[in-house]
N, C-alpha and C. Protein backbone atom coordinates (compact mmCIF):
# COMPACT_ATOMS: atom_id res chain seq x y z
N UNK A 1 35.34 -143.42 -118.11
CA UNK A 1 34.87 -142.01 -117.79
C UNK A 1 36.30 -141.17 -117.78
N UNK A 2 37.35 -141.73 -117.30
CA UNK A 2 38.51 -140.87 -117.07
C UNK A 2 39.11 -140.84 -118.56
N UNK A 3 39.18 -142.01 -119.43
CA UNK A 3 39.56 -142.07 -120.91
C UNK A 3 38.91 -140.96 -121.62
N UNK A 4 37.51 -141.01 -121.40
CA UNK A 4 36.74 -140.09 -122.14
C UNK A 4 37.27 -138.70 -121.85
N UNK A 5 37.23 -138.12 -120.57
CA UNK A 5 37.53 -137.08 -120.33
C UNK A 5 39.05 -136.63 -120.96
N UNK A 6 40.07 -137.68 -120.66
CA UNK A 6 41.36 -137.43 -121.07
C UNK A 6 41.43 -137.31 -122.81
N UNK A 7 40.56 -137.84 -123.59
CA UNK A 7 40.15 -137.72 -125.02
C UNK A 7 39.65 -135.94 -125.14
N UNK A 8 38.69 -135.97 -124.24
CA UNK A 8 38.01 -134.44 -124.67
C UNK A 8 39.27 -133.39 -124.33
N UNK A 9 40.04 -133.77 -123.26
CA UNK A 9 41.11 -132.48 -122.90
C UNK A 9 41.98 -132.54 -124.09
N UNK A 10 42.44 -133.66 -124.75
CA UNK A 10 42.95 -133.52 -125.62
C UNK A 10 42.81 -132.89 -127.30
N UNK A 11 41.30 -133.17 -127.25
CA UNK A 11 40.71 -132.26 -128.62
C UNK A 11 40.61 -130.95 -128.14
N UNK A 12 40.15 -130.55 -127.24
CA UNK A 12 40.02 -129.18 -126.88
C UNK A 12 41.68 -128.45 -126.86
N UNK A 13 42.25 -128.98 -126.35
CA UNK A 13 43.82 -128.69 -126.63
C UNK A 13 44.29 -128.45 -127.94
N UNK A 14 43.82 -129.31 -128.80
CA UNK A 14 44.25 -129.26 -130.12
C UNK A 14 43.50 -128.02 -130.98
N UNK A 15 42.51 -127.88 -130.49
CA UNK A 15 41.42 -126.82 -130.94
C UNK A 15 42.13 -125.43 -130.48
N UNK A 16 42.43 -125.53 -129.51
CA UNK A 16 43.17 -124.00 -128.91
C UNK A 16 44.46 -123.93 -129.47
N UNK A 17 45.17 -125.11 -129.52
CA UNK A 17 46.68 -124.86 -130.13
C UNK A 17 46.35 -124.37 -131.52
N UNK A 18 45.52 -124.55 -132.21
CA UNK A 18 45.60 -124.31 -133.81
C UNK A 18 45.00 -122.85 -133.69
N UNK A 19 44.49 -122.27 -132.73
CA UNK A 19 43.91 -120.88 -132.78
C UNK A 19 45.28 -119.98 -132.20
N UNK A 20 45.80 -120.65 -130.88
CA UNK A 20 46.54 -119.53 -130.39
C UNK A 20 47.90 -120.67 -129.84
N UNK A 21 49.07 -119.83 -129.79
CA UNK A 21 50.22 -120.51 -129.37
C UNK A 21 50.54 -119.53 -128.16
N UNK A 22 50.64 -120.21 -127.10
CA UNK A 22 51.26 -119.39 -125.69
C UNK A 22 53.07 -119.75 -125.53
N UNK A 23 53.75 -118.42 -125.36
CA UNK A 23 54.89 -118.67 -124.90
C UNK A 23 55.19 -118.03 -123.60
N UNK A 24 56.27 -118.48 -122.94
CA UNK A 24 56.49 -117.71 -121.56
C UNK A 24 58.11 -117.63 -121.56
N UNK A 25 58.44 -116.81 -120.51
CA UNK A 25 59.83 -116.49 -119.98
C UNK A 25 59.79 -115.87 -118.79
N UNK A 26 60.85 -116.66 -117.89
CA UNK A 26 61.40 -115.90 -116.82
C UNK A 26 62.56 -114.70 -117.12
N UNK A 27 62.36 -113.42 -116.63
CA UNK A 27 63.56 -112.64 -116.88
C UNK A 27 64.19 -112.47 -115.62
N UNK A 28 65.71 -112.10 -115.92
CA UNK A 28 66.63 -111.63 -115.02
C UNK A 28 67.58 -111.12 -115.43
N UNK A 29 68.25 -110.18 -114.78
CA UNK A 29 69.54 -109.77 -115.31
C UNK A 29 70.83 -110.30 -115.74
N UNK A 30 71.12 -111.62 -115.15
CA UNK A 30 72.03 -112.38 -115.57
C UNK A 30 71.72 -112.83 -117.23
N UNK A 31 70.59 -113.05 -117.63
CA UNK A 31 69.82 -113.47 -118.90
C UNK A 31 70.47 -112.35 -119.80
N UNK A 32 70.69 -111.08 -119.41
CA UNK A 32 70.97 -110.14 -120.41
C UNK A 32 72.36 -110.50 -121.08
N UNK A 33 72.80 -109.59 -122.15
CA UNK A 33 74.11 -110.02 -122.61
C UNK A 33 74.79 -108.50 -123.15
N UNK A 34 75.89 -108.31 -122.69
CA UNK A 34 76.37 -108.96 -121.07
C UNK A 34 75.40 -108.89 -120.11
N UNK A 35 75.69 -109.83 -119.10
CA UNK A 35 74.72 -110.09 -117.92
C UNK A 35 74.81 -108.58 -117.00
N UNK A 36 73.94 -108.38 -116.32
CA UNK A 36 73.56 -107.15 -115.93
C UNK A 36 73.30 -107.47 -114.09
N UNK A 37 74.07 -106.92 -113.35
CA UNK A 37 73.83 -107.53 -111.93
C UNK A 37 72.94 -106.50 -111.33
N UNK A 38 71.56 -107.21 -111.44
CA UNK A 38 70.35 -106.48 -110.99
C UNK A 38 69.59 -107.81 -110.23
N UNK A 39 68.70 -107.11 -109.14
CA UNK A 39 68.04 -108.37 -108.48
C UNK A 39 66.68 -108.20 -109.15
N UNK A 40 66.63 -107.65 -110.26
CA UNK A 40 65.11 -107.40 -110.77
C UNK A 40 64.85 -108.99 -111.27
N UNK A 41 63.74 -108.98 -111.27
CA UNK A 41 63.06 -110.45 -111.97
C UNK A 41 61.69 -109.87 -112.64
N UNK A 42 61.51 -111.13 -113.60
CA UNK A 42 60.20 -110.85 -114.41
C UNK A 42 59.53 -111.98 -114.97
N UNK A 43 58.48 -112.05 -115.47
CA UNK A 43 57.82 -113.12 -116.04
C UNK A 43 56.88 -112.55 -117.12
N UNK A 44 56.86 -113.20 -118.47
CA UNK A 44 56.33 -112.85 -119.37
C UNK A 44 55.61 -114.02 -120.27
N UNK A 45 54.14 -113.62 -120.45
CA UNK A 45 53.47 -114.67 -121.16
C UNK A 45 53.09 -113.96 -122.49
N UNK A 46 53.45 -114.60 -123.64
CA UNK A 46 53.08 -113.93 -124.91
C UNK A 46 52.15 -115.04 -125.50
N UNK A 47 50.76 -114.17 -125.92
CA UNK A 47 50.25 -115.21 -126.67
C UNK A 47 49.78 -114.85 -128.12
N UNK A 48 50.27 -115.70 -128.93
CA UNK A 48 49.91 -115.45 -130.64
C UNK A 48 48.57 -115.91 -130.97
N UNK A 49 48.00 -115.13 -131.45
CA UNK A 49 46.53 -115.84 -131.85
C UNK A 49 46.80 -115.84 -133.65
N UNK A 50 46.86 -116.59 -134.29
CA UNK A 50 47.20 -116.81 -135.55
C UNK A 50 45.63 -116.30 -136.37
N UNK A 51 44.49 -116.78 -135.81
CA UNK A 51 43.22 -116.56 -136.49
C UNK A 51 42.90 -115.21 -136.18
N UNK A 52 43.32 -114.50 -135.40
CA UNK A 52 42.52 -113.01 -134.97
C UNK A 52 44.06 -111.96 -135.39
N UNK A 53 44.91 -112.56 -135.71
CA UNK A 53 46.21 -111.88 -135.76
C UNK A 53 46.51 -110.92 -134.90
N UNK A 54 46.58 -111.26 -133.69
CA UNK A 54 46.87 -110.41 -132.26
C UNK A 54 48.03 -111.12 -131.57
N UNK A 55 48.64 -110.45 -131.02
CA UNK A 55 49.86 -110.71 -130.08
C UNK A 55 49.52 -110.19 -128.73
N UNK A 56 49.24 -110.71 -127.40
CA UNK A 56 48.77 -110.54 -126.43
C UNK A 56 50.10 -110.74 -125.23
N UNK A 57 50.59 -109.43 -124.58
CA UNK A 57 51.82 -109.46 -123.83
C UNK A 57 51.09 -109.34 -122.42
N UNK A 58 51.37 -110.29 -121.43
CA UNK A 58 51.12 -110.26 -120.17
C UNK A 58 52.59 -110.13 -119.56
N UNK A 59 53.00 -109.22 -118.65
CA UNK A 59 54.57 -109.06 -118.10
C UNK A 59 54.21 -108.50 -116.88
N UNK A 60 55.07 -109.27 -115.73
CA UNK A 60 54.95 -108.48 -114.41
C UNK A 60 56.87 -108.42 -114.18
N UNK A 61 56.95 -107.74 -113.44
CA UNK A 61 58.28 -107.16 -113.10
C UNK A 61 58.63 -106.62 -111.58
N UNK A 62 59.88 -106.98 -111.03
CA UNK A 62 59.76 -106.44 -109.58
C UNK A 62 61.25 -106.35 -109.28
N UNK A 63 61.70 -105.50 -108.67
CA UNK A 63 62.75 -105.25 -107.73
C UNK A 63 63.88 -104.74 -108.96
N UNK A 64 63.21 -104.01 -109.61
CA UNK A 64 64.74 -103.29 -110.79
C UNK A 64 65.58 -102.56 -109.85
N UNK A 65 66.56 -102.08 -110.62
CA UNK A 65 67.56 -101.11 -109.84
C UNK A 65 66.96 -99.58 -110.60
N UNK A 66 66.68 -99.82 -111.89
CA UNK A 66 66.46 -98.47 -112.30
C UNK A 66 64.78 -98.34 -112.68
N UNK A 67 64.59 -97.18 -113.16
CA UNK A 67 63.08 -97.04 -113.48
C UNK A 67 62.98 -97.45 -114.90
N UNK A 68 61.90 -98.25 -115.38
CA UNK A 68 61.65 -98.29 -116.62
C UNK A 68 61.59 -97.31 -117.52
N UNK A 69 61.91 -97.62 -118.73
CA UNK A 69 62.16 -96.72 -119.80
C UNK A 69 61.12 -97.11 -121.01
N UNK A 70 61.51 -98.64 -121.43
CA UNK A 70 60.91 -99.19 -122.66
C UNK A 70 60.80 -100.65 -122.03
N UNK A 71 59.93 -101.61 -122.97
CA UNK A 71 60.20 -102.95 -123.20
C UNK A 71 59.43 -103.25 -124.69
N UNK A 72 60.02 -104.32 -125.07
CA UNK A 72 59.53 -104.94 -126.29
C UNK A 72 60.18 -106.25 -126.65
N UNK A 73 59.66 -106.62 -127.73
CA UNK A 73 60.37 -108.16 -128.08
C UNK A 73 61.46 -107.99 -129.12
N UNK A 74 62.49 -108.34 -128.76
CA UNK A 74 63.88 -108.40 -130.05
C UNK A 74 63.68 -109.90 -130.87
N UNK A 75 64.01 -110.15 -132.01
CA UNK A 75 64.00 -110.99 -132.82
C UNK A 75 64.82 -110.78 -133.96
N UNK A 76 65.59 -111.79 -134.33
CA UNK A 76 65.67 -113.33 -134.36
C UNK A 76 67.09 -113.55 -134.05
N UNK A 77 67.37 -114.37 -133.08
CA UNK A 77 68.75 -114.59 -132.87
C UNK A 77 69.10 -115.59 -131.93
N UNK A 78 69.95 -116.76 -131.82
CA UNK A 78 70.17 -117.56 -131.11
C UNK A 78 70.73 -117.25 -129.55
N UNK A 79 70.17 -117.47 -128.52
CA UNK A 79 70.56 -117.31 -127.18
C UNK A 79 72.26 -117.60 -127.07
N UNK A 80 72.75 -116.67 -126.33
CA UNK A 80 72.62 -115.77 -125.49
C UNK A 80 72.81 -114.20 -126.53
N UNK A 81 72.51 -114.43 -127.86
CA UNK A 81 72.89 -113.30 -128.56
C UNK A 81 72.05 -111.96 -128.32
N UNK A 82 72.43 -111.08 -129.20
CA UNK A 82 71.37 -109.59 -128.77
C UNK A 82 70.97 -109.40 -130.32
N UNK A 83 70.32 -108.82 -130.57
CA UNK A 83 69.56 -108.55 -132.14
C UNK A 83 68.55 -107.28 -131.72
N UNK A 84 68.45 -106.58 -132.89
CA UNK A 84 67.44 -105.59 -133.04
C UNK A 84 66.07 -105.66 -132.43
N UNK A 85 65.40 -104.84 -132.43
CA UNK A 85 63.87 -104.82 -131.76
C UNK A 85 63.06 -105.29 -132.81
N UNK A 86 61.96 -106.07 -132.61
CA UNK A 86 61.10 -106.54 -133.45
C UNK A 86 59.85 -105.87 -133.61
N UNK A 87 59.39 -105.54 -132.29
CA UNK A 87 57.73 -104.99 -132.22
C UNK A 87 58.19 -103.79 -131.50
N UNK A 88 57.53 -102.64 -132.22
CA UNK A 88 57.47 -101.21 -131.85
C UNK A 88 58.43 -100.34 -131.69
N UNK A 89 58.55 -99.58 -132.63
CA UNK A 89 59.39 -98.57 -132.52
C UNK A 89 59.01 -97.66 -130.91
N UNK A 90 59.87 -98.18 -130.15
CA UNK A 90 60.08 -97.52 -128.80
C UNK A 90 59.53 -98.61 -127.74
N UNK A 91 58.06 -98.60 -127.50
CA UNK A 91 57.65 -99.49 -126.43
C UNK A 91 56.33 -100.18 -126.94
N UNK A 92 56.04 -101.11 -125.83
CA UNK A 92 54.68 -101.75 -126.01
C UNK A 92 53.90 -100.51 -125.87
N UNK A 93 52.77 -100.31 -126.43
CA UNK A 93 51.81 -99.57 -126.16
C UNK A 93 51.06 -99.44 -124.77
N UNK A 94 51.38 -98.57 -123.73
CA UNK A 94 51.04 -98.17 -122.61
C UNK A 94 51.76 -99.00 -121.64
N UNK A 95 52.84 -99.41 -121.94
CA UNK A 95 54.02 -100.00 -121.01
C UNK A 95 54.32 -99.01 -119.72
N UNK A 96 54.16 -99.35 -118.54
CA UNK A 96 54.39 -98.52 -117.52
C UNK A 96 55.84 -97.94 -117.19
N UNK A 97 56.19 -96.72 -117.45
CA UNK A 97 57.33 -96.04 -117.56
C UNK A 97 57.55 -95.16 -116.16
N UNK A 98 58.92 -95.37 -115.62
CA UNK A 98 59.21 -94.74 -114.68
C UNK A 98 58.83 -95.68 -113.30
N UNK A 99 58.86 -96.87 -113.29
CA UNK A 99 58.45 -97.49 -111.92
C UNK A 99 59.77 -98.80 -112.00
N UNK A 100 59.64 -99.32 -110.89
CA UNK A 100 60.80 -100.18 -110.75
C UNK A 100 60.08 -101.56 -110.39
N UNK A 101 58.87 -101.68 -110.08
CA UNK A 101 57.63 -102.90 -109.94
C UNK A 101 56.58 -102.69 -110.90
N UNK A 102 55.76 -103.70 -111.22
CA UNK A 102 54.67 -103.52 -112.10
C UNK A 102 54.13 -104.46 -112.82
N UNK A 103 53.21 -104.33 -113.71
CA UNK A 103 52.43 -105.45 -114.54
C UNK A 103 52.09 -104.70 -115.84
N UNK A 104 52.04 -105.31 -116.84
CA UNK A 104 51.50 -104.83 -117.99
C UNK A 104 50.82 -105.93 -118.86
N UNK A 105 49.68 -105.59 -119.34
CA UNK A 105 48.78 -106.59 -120.20
C UNK A 105 48.25 -105.75 -121.60
N UNK A 106 48.80 -105.80 -122.46
CA UNK A 106 48.64 -105.12 -124.01
C UNK A 106 48.45 -106.42 -124.83
N UNK A 107 47.49 -106.04 -125.86
CA UNK A 107 47.15 -106.86 -127.31
C UNK A 107 47.00 -105.86 -128.35
N UNK A 108 47.55 -106.42 -129.41
CA UNK A 108 47.90 -105.48 -130.63
C UNK A 108 47.48 -106.47 -131.96
N UNK A 109 47.35 -105.44 -132.99
CA UNK A 109 47.06 -106.13 -134.36
C UNK A 109 48.26 -106.45 -134.77
N UNK A 110 48.63 -107.55 -135.39
CA UNK A 110 49.85 -107.93 -136.01
C UNK A 110 49.56 -107.73 -137.58
N UNK A 111 48.55 -107.32 -138.19
CA UNK A 111 48.66 -106.96 -139.39
C UNK A 111 48.63 -105.36 -139.61
N UNK A 112 48.99 -104.70 -138.44
CA UNK A 112 49.24 -103.46 -138.31
C UNK A 112 50.84 -103.34 -138.62
N UNK A 113 51.33 -102.43 -139.68
CA UNK A 113 52.78 -102.49 -139.72
C UNK A 113 53.45 -101.34 -138.65
N UNK A 114 52.70 -100.92 -138.13
CA UNK A 114 53.13 -100.12 -137.02
C UNK A 114 53.77 -100.67 -135.64
N UNK A 115 53.01 -102.18 -135.93
CA UNK A 115 53.03 -103.09 -134.80
C UNK A 115 54.86 -103.59 -134.45
N UNK A 116 55.44 -103.14 -135.62
CA UNK A 116 57.00 -103.63 -135.94
C UNK A 116 57.84 -102.62 -135.97
N UNK A 117 59.14 -102.55 -135.84
CA UNK A 117 59.99 -101.68 -136.29
C UNK A 117 60.44 -101.33 -137.74
N UNK A 118 60.50 -100.68 -138.26
CA UNK A 118 60.95 -100.73 -139.85
C UNK A 118 61.90 -101.61 -140.09
N UNK A 119 62.94 -101.74 -139.34
CA UNK A 119 64.11 -102.55 -139.74
C UNK A 119 63.52 -104.34 -139.95
N UNK A 120 62.64 -104.76 -138.74
CA UNK A 120 62.16 -105.79 -138.67
C UNK A 120 61.46 -106.09 -139.89
N UNK A 121 60.19 -105.30 -140.05
CA UNK A 121 59.53 -105.36 -141.00
C UNK A 121 59.96 -105.50 -142.21
N UNK A 122 61.15 -104.63 -142.69
CA UNK A 122 61.78 -104.74 -143.89
C UNK A 122 62.68 -106.15 -144.26
N UNK A 123 63.66 -106.23 -143.03
CA UNK A 123 64.47 -107.23 -142.93
C UNK A 123 64.08 -108.72 -142.86
N UNK A 124 63.12 -108.86 -142.07
CA UNK A 124 62.43 -110.30 -141.80
C UNK A 124 61.26 -110.61 -142.45
N UNK A 125 60.51 -109.37 -142.39
CA UNK A 125 58.84 -109.60 -142.87
C UNK A 125 58.74 -109.06 -144.51
N UNK A 126 59.92 -108.94 -145.34
CA UNK A 126 59.77 -108.55 -146.50
C UNK A 126 58.74 -107.27 -146.82
N UNK A 127 59.20 -106.58 -145.93
CA UNK A 127 57.90 -105.14 -146.23
C UNK A 127 56.50 -105.32 -145.95
N UNK A 128 56.22 -106.55 -145.45
CA UNK A 128 54.69 -106.60 -145.31
C UNK A 128 54.47 -107.02 -143.71
N UNK A 129 53.21 -106.45 -143.25
CA UNK A 129 53.01 -106.99 -141.98
C UNK A 129 52.26 -108.34 -141.99
N UNK A 130 52.20 -109.14 -142.79
CA UNK A 130 52.02 -110.44 -142.71
C UNK A 130 53.17 -111.26 -142.65
N UNK A 131 54.04 -110.83 -143.43
CA UNK A 131 55.48 -111.37 -143.36
C UNK A 131 56.01 -111.32 -142.22
N UNK A 132 56.04 -109.89 -141.62
CA UNK A 132 56.75 -109.88 -140.22
C UNK A 132 55.90 -110.53 -139.23
N UNK A 133 54.67 -110.89 -139.38
CA UNK A 133 54.12 -111.99 -138.38
C UNK A 133 54.42 -113.24 -138.35
N UNK A 134 54.77 -113.57 -139.71
CA UNK A 134 55.15 -114.84 -139.86
C UNK A 134 56.41 -115.01 -139.24
N UNK A 135 57.36 -114.26 -139.54
CA UNK A 135 59.00 -114.05 -139.23
C UNK A 135 59.00 -114.10 -137.73
N UNK A 136 57.88 -113.37 -137.05
CA UNK A 136 58.14 -113.42 -135.43
C UNK A 136 57.73 -114.15 -135.05
N UNK A 137 56.46 -115.05 -135.46
CA UNK A 137 56.21 -116.41 -135.02
C UNK A 137 57.15 -117.46 -135.20
N UNK A 138 57.94 -117.53 -136.36
CA UNK A 138 58.86 -118.29 -136.20
C UNK A 138 59.88 -118.06 -135.37
N UNK A 139 60.24 -117.15 -135.17
CA UNK A 139 61.31 -116.74 -134.32
C UNK A 139 60.92 -116.98 -132.80
N UNK A 140 59.74 -116.86 -132.61
CA UNK A 140 59.54 -117.36 -131.28
C UNK A 140 59.45 -118.94 -130.96
N UNK A 141 58.60 -119.72 -132.21
CA UNK A 141 58.91 -120.84 -132.02
C UNK A 141 60.19 -121.63 -131.94
N UNK A 142 61.05 -120.91 -132.87
CA UNK A 142 62.23 -121.42 -132.67
C UNK A 142 63.11 -121.19 -131.30
N UNK A 143 62.51 -120.39 -130.62
CA UNK A 143 63.32 -119.70 -129.22
C UNK A 143 64.54 -119.03 -129.39
N UNK A 144 64.22 -117.96 -130.79
CA UNK A 144 65.18 -116.93 -131.10
C UNK A 144 64.71 -115.38 -130.86
N UNK A 145 63.63 -115.60 -129.86
CA UNK A 145 62.98 -114.08 -129.58
C UNK A 145 62.91 -114.08 -128.02
N UNK A 146 63.21 -112.51 -127.66
CA UNK A 146 63.50 -112.29 -126.07
C UNK A 146 62.44 -111.07 -125.76
N UNK A 147 61.93 -111.09 -124.67
CA UNK A 147 61.17 -109.80 -124.12
C UNK A 147 62.44 -109.46 -123.29
N UNK A 148 62.33 -107.60 -123.45
CA UNK A 148 63.28 -106.98 -122.55
C UNK A 148 62.79 -105.95 -121.97
N UNK A 149 63.16 -105.68 -120.72
CA UNK A 149 62.68 -104.79 -120.18
C UNK A 149 64.14 -103.45 -120.00
N UNK A 150 63.87 -102.35 -120.29
CA UNK A 150 65.10 -101.35 -120.44
C UNK A 150 64.74 -100.64 -119.23
N UNK A 151 65.79 -100.14 -118.38
CA UNK A 151 65.81 -99.08 -117.63
C UNK A 151 66.73 -97.91 -117.63
N UNK A 152 66.71 -97.02 -116.67
CA UNK A 152 67.53 -95.82 -116.33
C UNK A 152 69.07 -96.66 -115.97
N UNK A 153 68.81 -97.60 -115.40
CA UNK A 153 69.85 -98.11 -114.94
C UNK A 153 70.79 -98.98 -115.90
N UNK A 154 69.80 -99.71 -116.58
CA UNK A 154 70.38 -100.23 -117.80
C UNK A 154 69.98 -100.04 -119.30
N UNK A 155 70.12 -99.00 -119.62
CA UNK A 155 69.59 -98.64 -120.99
C UNK A 155 69.67 -99.67 -122.17
N UNK A 156 70.57 -100.49 -121.94
CA UNK A 156 70.71 -101.64 -123.02
C UNK A 156 69.37 -103.02 -122.67
N UNK A 157 69.14 -102.39 -121.48
CA UNK A 157 68.23 -103.77 -121.04
C UNK A 157 68.45 -104.12 -119.54
N UNK A 158 67.72 -104.28 -118.62
CA UNK A 158 68.00 -104.69 -117.35
C UNK A 158 67.69 -106.10 -116.83
N UNK A 159 66.62 -106.43 -117.66
CA UNK A 159 66.07 -108.03 -117.26
C UNK A 159 65.82 -108.31 -118.81
N UNK A 160 65.66 -109.82 -119.21
CA UNK A 160 65.08 -110.34 -120.38
C UNK A 160 65.14 -111.84 -120.31
N UNK A 161 64.53 -112.29 -121.31
CA UNK A 161 64.36 -113.73 -121.16
C UNK A 161 63.84 -114.21 -122.57
N UNK A 162 64.42 -115.49 -123.00
CA UNK A 162 64.21 -115.86 -124.10
C UNK A 162 62.66 -116.67 -124.22
N UNK A 163 61.75 -116.19 -124.93
CA UNK A 163 60.54 -116.96 -124.95
C UNK A 163 60.51 -118.65 -125.82
N UNK A 164 59.87 -119.20 -124.78
CA UNK A 164 59.69 -120.69 -125.17
C UNK A 164 57.98 -121.06 -125.04
N UNK A 165 57.80 -122.08 -125.80
CA UNK A 165 56.58 -122.91 -125.95
C UNK A 165 56.61 -123.88 -124.65
N UNK A 166 55.69 -123.59 -123.66
CA UNK A 166 55.77 -124.65 -122.34
C UNK A 166 55.71 -126.04 -122.81
N UNK A 167 56.62 -126.76 -122.01
CA UNK A 167 56.75 -128.32 -122.33
C UNK A 167 55.29 -129.11 -122.67
N UNK A 168 55.25 -129.81 -123.81
CA UNK A 168 54.06 -130.53 -123.68
C UNK A 168 53.34 -131.38 -122.47
N UNK A 169 54.13 -131.70 -121.77
CA UNK A 169 53.98 -132.17 -120.44
C UNK A 169 53.23 -131.44 -119.55
N UNK A 170 53.22 -130.21 -119.67
CA UNK A 170 52.59 -129.26 -118.83
C UNK A 170 51.06 -129.47 -119.30
N UNK A 171 50.57 -129.55 -120.53
CA UNK A 171 49.43 -129.79 -120.64
C UNK A 171 48.77 -131.12 -120.50
N UNK A 172 49.51 -132.24 -120.49
CA UNK A 172 49.36 -133.36 -119.73
C UNK A 172 49.01 -133.24 -118.59
N UNK A 173 49.99 -132.95 -117.76
CA UNK A 173 49.93 -132.74 -116.41
C UNK A 173 48.56 -132.00 -115.89
N UNK A 174 48.01 -130.92 -116.73
CA UNK A 174 46.98 -130.25 -116.37
C UNK A 174 45.48 -131.23 -116.42
N UNK A 175 45.70 -132.11 -117.85
CA UNK A 175 44.83 -132.74 -118.19
C UNK A 175 44.72 -134.02 -116.88
N UNK A 176 45.74 -134.59 -116.50
CA UNK A 176 45.68 -135.42 -115.48
C UNK A 176 45.00 -134.94 -114.18
N UNK A 177 45.44 -133.60 -114.06
CA UNK A 177 44.96 -132.93 -112.77
C UNK A 177 43.32 -132.74 -112.83
N UNK A 178 42.91 -132.37 -114.13
CA UNK A 178 41.45 -131.92 -113.87
C UNK A 178 40.79 -133.11 -113.88
N UNK A 179 41.26 -134.28 -114.79
CA UNK A 179 40.74 -135.67 -114.69
C UNK A 179 40.56 -136.16 -113.19
N UNK A 180 41.38 -136.22 -112.56
CA UNK A 180 41.63 -136.51 -111.11
C UNK A 180 40.57 -135.82 -110.19
N UNK A 181 40.61 -134.49 -110.49
CA UNK A 181 39.59 -133.50 -109.49
C UNK A 181 38.15 -133.95 -110.12
N UNK A 182 37.65 -134.35 -111.51
CA UNK A 182 36.71 -134.76 -111.78
C UNK A 182 36.11 -135.87 -111.12
N UNK A 183 37.07 -137.08 -111.28
CA UNK A 183 36.96 -138.31 -110.84
C UNK A 183 36.54 -138.25 -109.16
N UNK A 184 37.37 -137.31 -108.63
CA UNK A 184 37.08 -137.13 -107.20
C UNK A 184 35.92 -136.66 -106.78
N UNK A 185 35.38 -135.85 -107.65
CA UNK A 185 34.01 -135.10 -107.32
C UNK A 185 32.89 -135.99 -107.67
N UNK A 186 33.09 -136.89 -108.77
CA UNK A 186 31.93 -137.99 -108.88
C UNK A 186 32.06 -138.84 -107.78
N UNK A 187 33.10 -139.15 -107.29
CA UNK A 187 33.25 -140.24 -106.06
C UNK A 187 32.22 -139.67 -104.92
N UNK A 188 32.54 -138.25 -104.55
CA UNK A 188 32.11 -137.75 -103.18
C UNK A 188 30.48 -137.19 -103.70
N UNK A 189 30.21 -137.01 -104.58
CA UNK A 189 28.72 -136.86 -105.00
C UNK A 189 28.02 -138.13 -105.06
N UNK A 190 28.54 -139.35 -105.27
CA UNK A 190 27.88 -140.77 -105.05
C UNK A 190 27.80 -141.15 -103.66
N UNK A 191 28.53 -140.57 -102.43
CA UNK A 191 28.49 -140.83 -100.97
C UNK A 191 27.03 -140.36 -100.51
């Protein structure tokens, strides 16, 4: 039974991985370049859905010194470098401005050229949204893209973090946990 569940989880994971890729990052001031003396922290989860051609950004942040001004994804540079903005001229649509703690959840269409800065669209995407989408995905897969939250205290960015795909072991650990729970549940129901 456990082998069946493990195989089922792997098949489900393979199907999900084909449609969507999840990236995460922890953000803080020392990760800025140059480092920013800020107690602020954040966490971002970025979901790239290649089938739907969408990008979802879920972002939480707290304890910033300054009030938020903009937030976006920068691409493509090796850590700890800095590079121009890739997504949105300005900020994520609907990102909360003027706060020191908060959350954001937004999804947008990657086939819309307005989802990218003109520089990223032309220099990395060959002038097309499809090219920019491919370049952004490759930059994130290579660990060469970062989420940055800019504030009145640090206009160049108060907290940031480079995006990474969670370790494959995380998925395996989840599978083991679900299998153990199902096995325990089955044992309890037999009593």
